[in-house]
Amino acid sequence: MNTYYFAIASQDFLLHEEPLEEVLRERINHYKNMEKIIDFWLVINPAFINAPEMKNIKMQLSKPSVAILSYNPKFIEWIKLRFGFVLTGKFISPSPNIQDALKST
C-alpha cells in the first residue's frame, strides 16, 4: 500500500491564474541537480476525488479540477504554502503503480 498526498484546486486557478508550470519546472530542475527521483505528478481531472472518503473535498471544488500528487507530504505542504487556495489531503492506494492509484482508491 502506498500513501499519496495531494494538493487539488480548480483547473482555472492552478493552470491559468498561477505560475504552476514554472514552479514545477523549477522543482524538477532542483530534483535533477540533487539527483533525486521525481516523486510528484500533475493529474488533470483526478479519479481519486470520486472516492466516498473524498466527498468533503469534492464538494469544495469547482469543476474541472487538477491535482498534484506526491509521496512526500512536505512537498505538498510547500505547494499549499506557495499557492494558498488549494485543498490538501491524502489517500492510500493498494497498488504501488501510480497509474493504478489514479484509477481507483
PDB file of N, CA and C in Angstrom:
ATOM      1  N   MET A   1       0.843  -1.185   0.000  1.00  0.00           N
ATOM      2  CA  MET A   1       0.000   0.000   0.000  1.00  0.00           C
ATOM      3  C   MET A   1       0.884   1.244   0.000  1.00  0.00           C
ATOM      4  N   ASN A   2       0.455   2.233  -0.758  1.00  0.00           N
ATOM      5  CA  ASN A   2       1.176   3.499  -0.835  1.00  0.00           C
ATOM      6  C   ASN A   2       0.275   4.638  -0.402  1.00  0.00           C
ATOM      7  N   THR A   3       0.850   5.573   0.313  1.00  0.00           N
ATOM      8  CA  THR A   3       0.131   6.786   0.687  1.00  0.00           C
ATOM      9  C   THR A   3       0.525   7.885  -0.282  1.00  0.00           C
ATOM     10  N   TYR A   4      -0.480   8.484  -0.878  1.00  0.00           N
ATOM     11  CA  TYR A   4      -0.280   9.615  -1.780  1.00  0.00           C
ATOM     12  C   TYR A   4      -0.842  10.854  -1.112  1.00  0.00           C
ATOM     13  N   TYR A   5      -0.080  11.924  -1.123  1.00  0.00           N
ATOM     14  CA  TYR A   5      -0.512  13.204  -0.602  1.00  0.00           C
ATOM     15  C   TYR A   5      -0.851  14.075  -1.802  1.00  0.00           C
ATOM     16  N   PHE A   6      -1.839  14.952  -1.631  1.00  0.00           N
ATOM     17  CA  PHE A   6      -2.248  15.747  -2.780  1.00  0.00           C
ATOM     18  C   PHE A   6      -2.595  17.170  -2.406  1.00  0.00           C
ATOM     19  N   ALA A   7      -2.470  18.023  -3.402  1.00  0.00           N
ATOM     20  CA  ALA A   7      -2.987  19.394  -3.379  1.00  0.00           C
ATOM     21  C   ALA A   7      -3.874  19.472  -4.611  1.00  0.00           C
ATOM     22  N   ILE A   8      -5.096  19.970  -4.422  1.00  0.00           N
ATOM     23  CA  ILE A   8      -6.052  19.987  -5.527  1.00  0.00           C
ATOM     24  C   ILE A   8      -6.782  21.329  -5.550  1.00  0.00           C
ATOM     25  N   ALA A   9      -7.096  21.771  -6.747  1.00  0.00           N
ATOM     26  CA  ALA A   9      -7.831  23.027  -6.938  1.00  0.00           C
ATOM     27  C   ALA A   9      -8.466  22.997  -8.323  1.00  0.00           C
ATOM     28  N   SER A  10      -9.174  24.052  -8.642  1.00  0.00           N
ATOM     29  CA  SER A  10      -9.781  24.122  -9.972  1.00  0.00           C
ATOM     30  C   SER A  10      -8.687  24.304 -11.019  1.00  0.00           C
ATOM     31  N   GLN A  11      -8.971  23.812 -12.217  1.00  0.00           N
ATOM     32  CA  GLN A  11      -8.018  23.974 -13.321  1.00  0.00           C
ATOM     33  C   GLN A  11      -7.805  25.448 -13.623  1.00  0.00           C
ATOM     34  N   ASP A  12      -8.869  26.239 -13.585  1.00  0.00           N
ATOM     35  CA  ASP A  12      -8.717  27.668 -13.861  1.00  0.00           C
ATOM     36  C   ASP A  12      -7.694  28.296 -12.920  1.00  0.00           C
ATOM     37  N   PHE A  13      -7.794  27.963 -11.642  1.00  0.00           N
ATOM     38  CA  PHE A  13      -6.882  28.551 -10.667  1.00  0.00           C
ATOM     39  C   PHE A  13      -5.443  28.086 -10.888  1.00  0.00           C
ATOM     40  N   LEU A  14      -5.215  26.781 -10.858  1.00  0.00           N
ATOM     41  CA  LEU A  14      -3.834  26.286 -10.915  1.00  0.00           C
ATOM     42  C   LEU A  14      -3.194  26.386 -12.293  1.00  0.00           C
ATOM     43  N   LEU A  15      -3.960  26.165 -13.330  1.00  0.00           N
ATOM     44  CA  LEU A  15      -3.358  26.147 -14.667  1.00  0.00           C
ATOM     45  C   LEU A  15      -3.339  27.499 -15.362  1.00  0.00           C
ATOM     46  N   HIS A  16      -4.227  28.413 -14.948  1.00  0.00           N
ATOM     47  CA  HIS A  16      -4.322  29.682 -15.670  1.00  0.00           C
ATOM     48  C   HIS A  16      -4.004  30.906 -14.820  1.00  0.00           C
ATOM     49  N   GLU A  17      -4.324  30.859 -13.523  1.00  0.00           N
ATOM     50  CA  GLU A  17      -4.107  32.032 -12.672  1.00  0.00           C
ATOM     51  C   GLU A  17      -2.766  32.008 -11.952  1.00  0.00           C
ATOM     52  N   GLU A  18      -2.214  30.837 -11.765  1.00  0.00           N
ATOM     53  CA  GLU A  18      -0.962  30.687 -11.026  1.00  0.00           C
ATOM     54  C   GLU A  18       0.143  30.198 -11.964  1.00  0.00           C
ATOM     55  N   PRO A  19       1.398  30.490 -11.615  1.00  0.00           N
ATOM     56  CA  PRO A  19       2.525  30.050 -12.462  1.00  0.00           C
ATOM     57  C   PRO A  19       2.942  28.601 -12.165  1.00  0.00           C
ATOM     58  N   LEU A  20       1.989  27.693 -12.193  1.00  0.00           N
ATOM     59  CA  LEU A  20       2.250  26.298 -11.833  1.00  0.00           C
ATOM     60  C   LEU A  20       3.330  25.667 -12.694  1.00  0.00           C
ATOM     61  N   GLU A  21       3.253  25.876 -13.984  1.00  0.00           N
ATOM     62  CA  GLU A  21       4.248  25.273 -14.881  1.00  0.00           C
ATOM     63  C   GLU A  21       5.660  25.698 -14.493  1.00  0.00           C
ATOM     64  N   GLU A  22       5.841  26.970 -14.237  1.00  0.00           N
ATOM     65  CA  GLU A  22       7.157  27.488 -13.859  1.00  0.00           C
ATOM     66  C   GLU A  22       7.626  26.885 -12.534  1.00  0.00           C
ATOM     67  N   VAL A  23       6.737  26.813 -11.562  1.00  0.00           N
ATOM     68  CA  VAL A  23       7.085  26.269 -10.248  1.00  0.00           C
ATOM     69  C   VAL A  23       7.486  24.805 -10.357  1.00  0.00           C
ATOM     70  N   LEU A  24       6.712  24.012 -11.093  1.00  0.00           N
ATOM     71  CA  LEU A  24       7.035  22.594 -11.240  1.00  0.00           C
ATOM     72  C   LEU A  24       8.310  22.384 -12.053  1.00  0.00           C
ATOM     73  N   ARG A  25       8.520  23.211 -13.067  1.00  0.00           N
ATOM     74  CA  ARG A  25       9.748  23.109 -13.860  1.00  0.00           C
ATOM     75  C   ARG A  25      10.974  23.393 -12.976  1.00  0.00           C
ATOM     76  N   GLU A  26      10.880  24.430 -12.121  1.00  0.00           N
ATOM     77  CA  GLU A  26      11.983  24.733 -11.213  1.00  0.00           C
ATOM     78  C   GLU A  26      12.221  23.587 -10.232  1.00  0.00           C
ATOM     79  N   ARG A  27      11.123  22.990  -9.768  1.00  0.00           N
ATOM     80  CA  ARG A  27      11.245  21.871  -8.827  1.00  0.00           C
ATOM     81  C   ARG A  27      11.903  20.656  -9.505  1.00  0.00           C
ATOM     82  N   ILE A  28      11.525  20.388 -10.746  1.00  0.00           N
ATOM     83  CA  ILE A  28      12.134  19.285 -11.493  1.00  0.00           C
ATOM     84  C   ILE A  28      13.629  19.536 -11.669  1.00  0.00           C
ATOM     85  N   ASN A  29      14.004  20.751 -12.019  1.00  0.00           N
ATOM     86  CA  ASN A  29      15.429  21.085 -12.163  1.00  0.00           C
ATOM     87  C   ASN A  29      16.172  20.907 -10.845  1.00  0.00           C
ATOM     88  N   HIS A  30      15.549  21.309  -9.751  1.00  0.00           N
ATOM     89  CA  HIS A  30      16.142  21.136  -8.426  1.00  0.00           C
ATOM     90  C   HIS A  30      16.366  19.651  -8.136  1.00  0.00           C
ATOM     91  N   TYR A  31      15.352  18.824  -8.415  1.00  0.00           N
ATOM     92  CA  TYR A  31      15.471  17.382  -8.196  1.00  0.00           C
ATOM     93  C   TYR A  31      16.604  16.801  -9.047  1.00  0.00           C
ATOM     94  N   LYS A  32      16.711  17.229 -10.293  1.00  0.00           N
ATOM     95  CA  LYS A  32      17.776  16.730 -11.164  1.00  0.00           C
ATOM     96  C   LYS A  32      19.147  17.122 -10.624  1.00  0.00           C
ATOM     97  N   ASN A  33      19.283  18.366 -10.173  1.00  0.00           N
ATOM     98  CA  ASN A  33      20.553  18.819  -9.615  1.00  0.00           C
ATOM     99  C   ASN A  33      20.929  18.052  -8.357  1.00  0.00           C
ATOM    100  N   MET A  34      19.956  17.642  -7.590  1.00  0.00           N
ATOM    101  CA  MET A  34      20.182  16.882  -6.357  1.00  0.00           C
ATOM    102  C   MET A  34      20.238  15.376  -6.622  1.00  0.00           C
ATOM    103  N   GLU A  35      20.051  14.991  -7.898  1.00  0.00           N
ATOM    104  CA  GLU A  35      19.996  13.590  -8.306  1.00  0.00           C
ATOM    105  C   GLU A  35      18.923  12.838  -7.532  1.00  0.00           C
ATOM    106  N   LYS A  36      17.800  13.495  -7.378  1.00  0.00           N
ATOM    107  CA  LYS A  36      16.653  12.928  -6.659  1.00  0.00           C
ATOM    108  C   LYS A  36      15.594  12.495  -7.675  1.00  0.00           C
ATOM    109  N   ILE A  37      14.964  11.380  -7.419  1.00  0.00           N
ATOM    110  CA  ILE A  37      13.898  10.883  -8.296  1.00  0.00           C
ATOM    111  C   ILE A  37      12.667  11.766  -8.125  1.00  0.00           C
ATOM    112  N   ILE A  38      12.050  12.123  -9.233  1.00  0.00           N
ATOM    113  CA  ILE A  38      10.842  12.937  -9.190  1.00  0.00           C
ATOM    114  C   ILE A  38       9.723  12.112  -8.574  1.00  0.00           C
ATOM    115  N   ASP A  39       9.152  12.632  -7.507  1.00  0.00           N
ATOM    116  CA  ASP A  39       8.137  11.903  -6.752  1.00  0.00           C
ATOM    117  C   ASP A  39       6.801  12.654  -6.712  1.00  0.00           C
ATOM    118  N   PHE A  40       6.537  13.393  -7.784  1.00  0.00           N
ATOM    119  CA  PHE A  40       5.250  14.096  -7.852  1.00  0.00           C
ATOM    120  C   PHE A  40       4.720  14.051  -9.277  1.00  0.00           C
ATOM    121  N   TRP A  41       3.396  14.194  -9.381  1.00  0.00           N
ATOM    122  CA  TRP A  41       2.708  14.110 -10.662  1.00  0.00           C
ATOM    123  C   TRP A  41       1.624  15.166 -10.714  1.00  0.00           C
ATOM    124  N   LEU A  42       1.368  15.672 -11.904  1.00  0.00           N
ATOM    125  CA  LEU A  42       0.249  16.577 -12.154  1.00  0.00           C
ATOM    126  C   LEU A  42      -0.849  15.752 -12.825  1.00  0.00           C
ATOM    127  N   VAL A  43      -2.039  15.782 -12.248  1.00  0.00           N
ATOM    128  CA  VAL A  43      -3.133  14.952 -12.743  1.00  0.00           C
ATOM    129  C   VAL A  43      -4.347  15.837 -13.000  1.00  0.00           C
ATOM    130  N   ILE A  44      -4.794  15.846 -14.240  1.00  0.00           N
ATOM    131  CA  ILE A  44      -5.981  16.616 -14.617  1.00  0.00           C
ATOM    132  C   ILE A  44      -7.204  15.730 -14.451  1.00  0.00           C
ATOM    133  N   ASN A  45      -8.243  16.287 -13.841  1.00  0.00           N
ATOM    134  CA  ASN A  45      -9.478  15.550 -13.537  1.00  0.00           C
ATOM    135  C   ASN A  45      -9.187  14.227 -12.836  1.00  0.00           C
ATOM    136  N   PRO A  46      -8.566  14.265 -11.663  1.00  0.00           N
ATOM    137  CA  PRO A  46      -8.171  13.037 -10.978  1.00  0.00           C
ATOM    138  C   PRO A  46      -9.377  12.188 -10.557  1.00  0.00           C
ATOM    139  N   ALA A  47      -9.272  10.887 -10.793  1.00  0.00           N
ATOM    140  CA  ALA A  47     -10.362   9.959 -10.463  1.00  0.00           C
ATOM    141  C   ALA A  47     -10.483   9.730  -8.961  1.00  0.00           C
ATOM    142  N   PHE A  48      -9.382   9.846  -8.222  1.00  0.00           N
ATOM    143  CA  PHE A  48      -9.448   9.551  -6.791  1.00  0.00           C
ATOM    144  C   PHE A  48     -10.425  10.455  -6.049  1.00  0.00           C
ATOM    145  N   ILE A  49     -10.729  11.597  -6.609  1.00  0.00           N
ATOM    146  CA  ILE A  49     -11.629  12.540  -5.947  1.00  0.00           C
ATOM    147  C   ILE A  49     -13.064  12.016  -5.885  1.00  0.00           C
ATOM    148  N   ASN A  50     -13.365  10.992  -6.680  1.00  0.00           N
ATOM    149  CA  ASN A  50     -14.705  10.404  -6.671  1.00  0.00           C
ATOM    150  C   ASN A  50     -14.898   9.342  -5.592  1.00  0.00           C
ATOM    151  N   ALA A  51     -13.850   9.020  -4.865  1.00  0.00           N
ATOM    152  CA  ALA A  51     -13.962   8.041  -3.780  1.00  0.00           C
ATOM    153  C   ALA A  51     -14.852   8.595  -2.672  1.00  0.00           C
ATOM    154  N   PRO A  52     -15.630   7.753  -2.017  1.00  0.00           N
ATOM    155  CA  PRO A  52     -16.542   8.220  -0.962  1.00  0.00           C
ATOM    156  C   PRO A  52     -15.852   9.024   0.137  1.00  0.00           C
ATOM    157  N   GLU A  53     -14.630   8.650   0.490  1.00  0.00           N
ATOM    158  CA  GLU A  53     -13.939   9.373   1.555  1.00  0.00           C
ATOM    159  C   GLU A  53     -13.481  10.774   1.136  1.00  0.00           C
ATOM    160  N   MET A  54     -13.602  11.105  -0.146  1.00  0.00           N
ATOM    161  CA  MET A  54     -13.224  12.426  -0.653  1.00  0.00           C
ATOM    162  C   MET A  54     -14.432  13.357  -0.820  1.00  0.00           C
ATOM    163  N   LYS A  55     -15.569  12.946  -0.327  1.00  0.00           N
ATOM    164  CA  LYS A  55     -16.813  13.700  -0.526  1.00  0.00           C
ATOM    165  C   LYS A  55     -16.682  15.164  -0.089  1.00  0.00           C
ATOM    166  N   ASN A  56     -16.115  15.406   1.090  1.00  0.00           N
ATOM    167  CA  ASN A  56     -15.992  16.783   1.589  1.00  0.00           C
ATOM    168  C   ASN A  56     -15.092  17.637   0.706  1.00  0.00           C
ATOM    169  N   ILE A  57     -14.010  17.064   0.231  1.00  0.00           N
ATOM    170  CA  ILE A  57     -13.110  17.817  -0.647  1.00  0.00           C
ATOM    171  C   ILE A  57     -13.773  18.065  -1.989  1.00  0.00           C
ATOM    172  N   LYS A  58     -14.414  17.045  -2.530  1.00  0.00           N
ATOM    173  CA  LYS A  58     -15.070  17.184  -3.839  1.00  0.00           C
ATOM    174  C   LYS A  58     -16.137  18.278  -3.811  1.00  0.00           C
ATOM    175  N   MET A  59     -16.860  18.389  -2.695  1.00  0.00           N
ATOM    176  CA  MET A  59     -17.912  19.411  -2.580  1.00  0.00           C
ATOM    177  C   MET A  59     -17.327  20.822  -2.615  1.00  0.00           C
ATOM    178  N   GLN A  60     -16.082  20.985  -2.221  1.00  0.00           N
ATOM    179  CA  GLN A  60     -15.448  22.306  -2.174  1.00  0.00           C
ATOM    180  C   GLN A  60     -14.821  22.722  -3.493  1.00  0.00           C
ATOM    181  N   LEU A  61     -14.755  21.795  -4.431  1.00  0.00           N
ATOM    182  CA  LEU A  61     -14.099  22.078  -5.708  1.00  0.00           C
ATOM    183  C   LEU A  61     -15.082  22.563  -6.747  1.00  0.00           C
ATOM    184  N   SER A  62     -14.617  23.512  -7.539  1.00  0.00           N
ATOM    185  CA  SER A  62     -15.380  23.853  -8.734  1.00  0.00           C
ATOM    186  C   SER A  62     -14.786  23.007  -9.851  1.00  0.00           C
ATOM    187  N   LYS A  63     -15.602  22.487 -10.694  1.00  0.00           N
ATOM    188  CA  LYS A  63     -15.147  21.576 -11.753  1.00  0.00           C
ATOM    189  C   LYS A  63     -14.597  22.376 -12.903  1.00  0.00           C
ATOM    190  N   PRO A  64     -13.753  21.838 -13.685  1.00  0.00           N
ATOM    191  CA  PRO A  64     -12.909  20.657 -13.507  1.00  0.00           C
ATOM    192  C   PRO A  64     -11.734  20.969 -12.586  1.00  0.00           C
ATOM    193  N   SER A  65     -11.103  19.929 -12.089  1.00  0.00           N
ATOM    194  CA  SER A  65     -10.019  20.116 -11.124  1.00  0.00           C
ATOM    195  C   SER A  65      -8.700  19.546 -11.638  1.00  0.00           C
ATOM    196  N   VAL A  66      -7.653  19.905 -10.925  1.00  0.00           N
ATOM    197  CA  VAL A  66      -6.316  19.405 -11.210  1.00  0.00           C
ATOM    198  C   VAL A  66      -5.637  19.166  -9.865  1.00  0.00           C
ATOM    199  N   ALA A  67      -4.861  18.078  -9.793  1.00  0.00           N
ATOM    200  CA  ALA A  67      -4.184  17.733  -8.543  1.00  0.00           C
ATOM    201  C   ALA A  67      -2.695  17.542  -8.767  1.00  0.00           C
ATOM    202  N   ILE A  68      -1.954  17.822  -7.727  1.00  0.00           N
ATOM    203  CA  ILE A  68      -0.537  17.495  -7.673  1.00  0.00           C
ATOM    204  C   ILE A  68      -0.429  16.405  -6.622  1.00  0.00           C
ATOM    205  N   LEU A  69       0.083  15.260  -7.024  1.00  0.00           N
ATOM    206  CA  LEU A  69       0.245  14.109  -6.128  1.00  0.00           C
ATOM    207  C   LEU A  69       1.719  13.915  -5.819  1.00  0.00           C
ATOM    208  N   SER A  70       1.979  13.404  -4.617  1.00  0.00           N
ATOM    209  CA  SER A  70       3.355  13.102  -4.243  1.00  0.00           C
ATOM    210  C   SER A  70       3.370  12.069  -3.131  1.00  0.00           C
ATOM    211  N   TYR A  71       4.483  11.361  -3.019  1.00  0.00           N
ATOM    212  CA  TYR A  71       4.719  10.507  -1.863  1.00  0.00           C
ATOM    213  C   TYR A  71       5.188  11.351  -0.673  1.00  0.00           C
ATOM    214  N   ASN A  72       5.585  12.567  -0.950  1.00  0.00           N
ATOM    215  CA  ASN A  72       6.246  13.424   0.024  1.00  0.00           C
ATOM    216  C   ASN A  72       5.270  14.455   0.612  1.00  0.00           C
ATOM    217  N   PRO A  73       4.854  14.294   1.870  1.00  0.00           N
ATOM    218  CA  PRO A  73       3.914  15.254   2.462  1.00  0.00           C
ATOM    219  C   PRO A  73       4.498  16.656   2.598  1.00  0.00           C
ATOM    220  N   LYS A  74       5.812  16.761   2.761  1.00  0.00           N
ATOM    221  CA  LYS A  74       6.433  18.092   2.882  1.00  0.00           C
ATOM    222  C   LYS A  74       6.356  18.861   1.558  1.00  0.00           C
ATOM    223  N   PHE A  75       6.455  18.151   0.445  1.00  0.00           N
ATOM    224  CA  PHE A  75       6.314  18.810  -0.856  1.00  0.00           C
ATOM    225  C   PHE A  75       4.893  19.363  -1.014  1.00  0.00           C
ATOM    226  N   ILE A  76       3.895  18.596  -0.622  1.00  0.00           N
ATOM    227  CA  ILE A  76       2.515  19.058  -0.731  1.00  0.00           C
ATOM    228  C   ILE A  76       2.267  20.235   0.218  1.00  0.00           C
ATOM    229  N   GLU A  77       2.863  20.194   1.396  1.00  0.00           N
ATOM    230  CA  GLU A  77       2.771  21.327   2.315  1.00  0.00           C
ATOM    231  C   GLU A  77       3.389  22.581   1.686  1.00  0.00           C
ATOM    232  N   TRP A  78       4.519  22.401   1.005  1.00  0.00           N
ATOM    233  CA  TRP A  78       5.179  23.516   0.314  1.00  0.00           C
ATOM    234  C   TRP A  78       4.273  24.071  -0.799  1.00  0.00           C
ATOM    235  N   ILE A  79       3.619  23.168  -1.540  1.00  0.00           N
ATOM    236  CA  ILE A  79       2.684  23.602  -2.590  1.00  0.00           C
ATOM    237  C   ILE A  79       1.550  24.420  -1.971  1.00  0.00           C
ATOM    238  N   LYS A  80       1.017  23.953  -0.839  1.00  0.00           N
ATOM    239  CA  LYS A  80      -0.065  24.661  -0.149  1.00  0.00           C
ATOM    240  C   LYS A  80       0.390  26.061   0.253  1.00  0.00           C
ATOM    241  N   LEU A  81       1.592  26.171   0.774  1.00  0.00           N
ATOM    242  CA  LEU A  81       2.118  27.480   1.156  1.00  0.00           C
ATOM    243  C   LEU A  81       2.359  28.356  -0.064  1.00  0.00           C
ATOM    244  N   ARG A  82       2.803  27.756  -1.151  1.00  0.00           N
ATOM    245  CA  ARG A  82       3.114  28.512  -2.373  1.00  0.00           C
ATOM    246  C   ARG A  82       1.864  29.043  -3.054  1.00  0.00           C
ATOM    247  N   PHE A  83       0.812  28.214  -3.129  1.00  0.00           N
ATOM    248  CA  PHE A  83      -0.374  28.598  -3.886  1.00  0.00           C
ATOM    249  C   PHE A  83      -1.565  29.000  -3.018  1.00  0.00           C
ATOM    250  N   GLY A  84      -1.559  28.648  -1.763  1.00  0.00           N
ATOM    251  CA  GLY A  84      -2.599  29.095  -0.846  1.00  0.00           C
ATOM    252  C   GLY A  84      -3.962  28.464  -1.031  1.00  0.00           C
ATOM    253  N   PHE A  85      -4.625  28.771  -2.114  1.00  0.00           N
ATOM    254  CA  PHE A  85      -6.008  28.358  -2.306  1.00  0.00           C
ATOM    255  C   PHE A  85      -6.132  26.969  -2.927  1.00  0.00           C
ATOM    256  N   VAL A  86      -5.473  25.998  -2.305  1.00  0.00           N
ATOM    257  CA  VAL A  86      -5.595  24.604  -2.717  1.00  0.00           C
ATOM    258  C   VAL A  86      -6.064  23.798  -1.505  1.00  0.00           C
ATOM    259  N   LEU A  87      -6.736  22.710  -1.782  1.00  0.00           N
ATOM    260  CA  LEU A  87      -7.136  21.781  -0.736  1.00  0.00           C
ATOM    261  C   LEU A  87      -6.096  20.672  -0.690  1.00  0.00           C
ATOM    262  N   THR A  88      -5.799  20.190   0.493  1.00  0.00           N
ATOM    263  CA  THR A  88      -4.810  19.131   0.618  1.00  0.00           C
ATOM    264  C   THR A  88      -5.396  17.943   1.368  1.00  0.00           C
ATOM    265  N   GLY A  89      -4.776  16.804   1.166  1.00  0.00           N
ATOM    266  CA  GLY A  89      -5.207  15.594   1.840  1.00  0.00           C
ATOM    267  C   GLY A  89      -4.318  14.444   1.442  1.00  0.00           C
ATOM    268  N   LYS A  90      -4.793  13.251   1.742  1.00  0.00           N
ATOM    269  CA  LYS A  90      -4.035  12.056   1.377  1.00  0.00           C
ATOM    270  C   LYS A  90      -5.004  10.909   1.155  1.00  0.00           C
ATOM    271  N   PHE A  91      -4.520   9.898   0.452  1.00  0.00           N
ATOM    272  CA  PHE A  91      -5.276   8.666   0.291  1.00  0.00           C
ATOM    273  C   PHE A  91      -4.290   7.515   0.195  1.00  0.00           C
ATOM    274  N   ILE A  92      -4.791   6.342   0.489  1.00  0.00           N
ATOM    275  CA  ILE A  92      -3.966   5.132   0.448  1.00  0.00           C
ATOM    276  C   ILE A  92      -4.418   4.293  -0.724  1.00  0.00           C
ATOM    277  N   SER A  93      -3.456   3.865  -1.518  1.00  0.00           N
ATOM    278  CA  SER A  93      -3.729   3.008  -2.665  1.00  0.00           C
ATOM    279  C   SER A  93      -3.061   1.661  -2.440  1.00  0.00           C
ATOM    280  N   PRO A  94      -3.773   0.571  -2.712  1.00  0.00           N
ATOM    281  CA  PRO A  94      -3.160  -0.746  -2.551  1.00  0.00           C
ATOM    282  C   PRO A  94      -2.101  -1.050  -3.607  1.00  0.00           C
ATOM    283  N   SER A  95      -2.097  -0.287  -4.691  1.00  0.00           N
ATOM    284  CA  SER A  95      -1.155  -0.546  -5.779  1.00  0.00           C
ATOM    285  C   SER A  95       0.041   0.397  -5.689  1.00  0.00           C
ATOM    286  N   PRO A  96       1.258  -0.111  -5.915  1.00  0.00           N
ATOM    287  CA  PRO A  96       2.426   0.758  -5.948  1.00  0.00           C
ATOM    288  C   PRO A  96       2.536   1.547  -7.255  1.00  0.00           C
ATOM    289  N   ASN A  97       1.731   1.187  -8.252  1.00  0.00           N
ATOM    290  CA  ASN A  97       1.762   1.839  -9.552  1.00  0.00           C
ATOM    291  C   ASN A  97       0.891   3.087  -9.520  1.00  0.00           C
ATOM    292  N   ILE A  98       1.452   4.224  -9.836  1.00  0.00           N
ATOM    293  CA  ILE A  98       0.687   5.479  -9.801  1.00  0.00           C
ATOM    294  C   ILE A  98      -0.502   5.444 -10.739  1.00  0.00           C
ATOM    295  N   GLN A  99      -0.373   4.793 -11.886  1.00  0.00           N
ATOM    296  CA  GLN A  99      -1.494   4.707 -12.825  1.00  0.00           C
ATOM    297  C   GLN A  99      -2.673   3.955 -12.200  1.00  0.00           C
ATOM    298  N   ASP A 100      -2.383   2.867 -11.495  1.00  0.00           N
ATOM    299  CA  ASP A 100      -3.431   2.118 -10.815  1.00  0.00           C
ATOM    300  C   ASP A 100      -4.049   2.945  -9.693  1.00  0.00           C
ATOM    301  N   ALA A 101      -3.215   3.692  -8.994  1.00  0.00           N
ATOM    302  CA  ALA A 101      -3.713   4.517  -7.889  1.00  0.00           C
ATOM    303  C   ALA A 101      -4.685   5.572  -8.382  1.00  0.00           C
ATOM    304  N   LEU A 102      -4.470   6.072  -9.568  1.00  0.00           N
ATOM    305  CA  LEU A 102      -5.339   7.117 -10.097  1.00  0.00           C
ATOM    306  C   LEU A 102      -6.663   6.558 -10.609  1.00  0.00           C
ATOM    307  N   LYS A 103      -6.689   5.301 -10.938  1.00  0.00           N
ATOM    308  CA  LYS A 103      -7.919   4.685 -11.454  1.00  0.00           C
ATOM    309  C   LYS A 103      -8.911   4.415 -10.343  1.00  0.00           C
ATOM    310  N   SER A 104      -8.422   3.976  -9.197  1.00  0.00           N
ATOM    311  CA  SER A 104      -9.331   3.666  -8.083  1.00  0.00           C
ATOM    312  C   SER A 104      -8.623   3.868  -6.774  1.00  0.00           C
ATOM    313  N   THR A 105      -9.392   4.235  -5.764  1.00  0.00           N
ATOM    314  CA  THR A 105      -8.822   4.414  -4.432  1.00  0.00           C
ATOM    315  C   THR A 105      -9.548   3.540  -3.456  1.00  0.00           C
TER     316      THR A 105
END
